[in-house]
Structures are given as C-alpha cells and as structure tokens.
C-alpha cells in the first residue's frame, strides 16, 4: 500500500529515534492517511487522503 496522499502527494518523512543514551536509529514518520471514497474525474473511487486535505475540503467525498 502506498503511503502517499492522493490529493497533495504527501508521503512519509524520515528521521531518527533517540534513546536515553542518544543513540540514533532510523525511523519513519507516516502521514495520517484515511481511505475515503472520493470523486475522481466524475467517478467514485476509494483513495488514500491525508487528514489535512480532508479538513481543508480539497477533495469531494462521493455519496
């Protein structure tokens, strides 16, 4: 499953987890994606959309 928003293209970003001794291990920050039925070119389709795009109304939900 692609961890990319259909509307804005937001994907995972990467960083480090820091332990108590400050040892850095790689980790990834995934966007908050929801599987939503939206209208794509007039047809309803289930796509992954980030919550920021849902809140801003950048996609039109299909009934």
Protein backbone atom coordinates (compact mmCIF):
# COMPACT_ATOMS: atom_id res chain seq x y z
CA UNK A 1 0.00 0.00 0.00
CA UNK A 2 1.41 3.37 -0.99
CA UNK A 3 1.69 5.78 1.94
CA UNK A 4 1.04 8.79 -0.28
CA UNK A 5 -1.88 11.24 -0.24
CA UNK A 6 -3.89 11.23 -3.48
CA UNK A 7 -4.60 14.97 -3.24
CA UNK A 8 -1.35 16.64 -2.18
CA UNK A 9 1.22 13.84 -2.65
CA UNK A 10 2.38 13.95 0.97
CA UNK A 11 4.42 10.85 1.80
CA UNK A 12 6.49 9.54 4.68
CA UNK A 13 9.38 11.57 6.06
CA UNK A 14 12.39 10.09 7.79
CA UNK A 15 14.29 10.87 10.94
CA UNK A 16 15.90 9.29 13.98
CA UNK A 17 14.64 7.73 17.17
CA UNK A 18 16.80 8.84 20.07
CA UNK A 19 17.25 6.51 23.00
CA UNK A 20 18.13 7.61 26.54
CA UNK A 21 21.84 7.29 25.64
CA UNK A 22 21.21 9.43 22.49
CA UNK A 23 21.92 6.55 20.09
CA UNK A 24 20.23 7.35 16.77
CA UNK A 25 18.26 4.64 14.97
CA UNK A 26 16.36 5.29 11.76
CA UNK A 27 12.56 5.68 11.85
CA UNK A 28 9.85 6.95 9.56
CA UNK A 29 7.04 9.40 10.16
CA UNK A 30 3.98 8.25 8.20
CA UNK A 31 1.26 10.78 7.27
CA UNK A 32 -2.22 10.31 8.73
CA UNK A 33 -3.93 8.77 5.70
CA UNK A 34 -7.56 7.71 5.56
CA UNK A 35 -9.14 5.52 2.89
CA UNK A 36 -12.02 7.65 1.58
CA UNK A 37 -14.46 7.32 -1.31
CA UNK A 38 -13.99 10.47 -3.40
CA UNK A 39 -14.99 11.65 -6.86
CA UNK A 40 -12.09 11.31 -9.31
CA UNK A 41 -12.95 12.64 -12.80
CA UNK A 42 -16.66 12.27 -12.00
CA UNK A 43 -16.41 8.63 -10.87
CA UNK A 44 -16.35 7.45 -7.25
CA UNK A 45 -13.08 5.83 -6.21
CA UNK A 46 -11.50 4.72 -2.92
CA UNK A 47 -8.20 6.54 -2.42
CA UNK A 48 -5.89 7.43 0.45
CA UNK A 49 -6.21 11.08 1.52
CA UNK A 50 -4.38 12.80 4.37
CA UNK A 51 -6.49 14.32 7.13
CA UNK A 52 -5.20 17.82 6.37
CA UNK A 53 -6.70 17.63 2.84
CA UNK A 54 -9.96 16.21 4.22
CA UNK A 55 -10.26 19.02 6.75
CA UNK A 56 -9.43 21.69 4.17
CA UNK A 57 -12.06 20.33 1.74
CA UNK A 58 -9.57 19.69 -1.08
CA UNK A 59 -11.44 16.51 -2.10
CA UNK A 60 -15.14 15.98 -2.75
CA UNK A 61 -16.50 12.94 -0.98
CA UNK A 62 -18.68 10.58 -3.00
CA UNK A 63 -22.07 9.65 -1.52
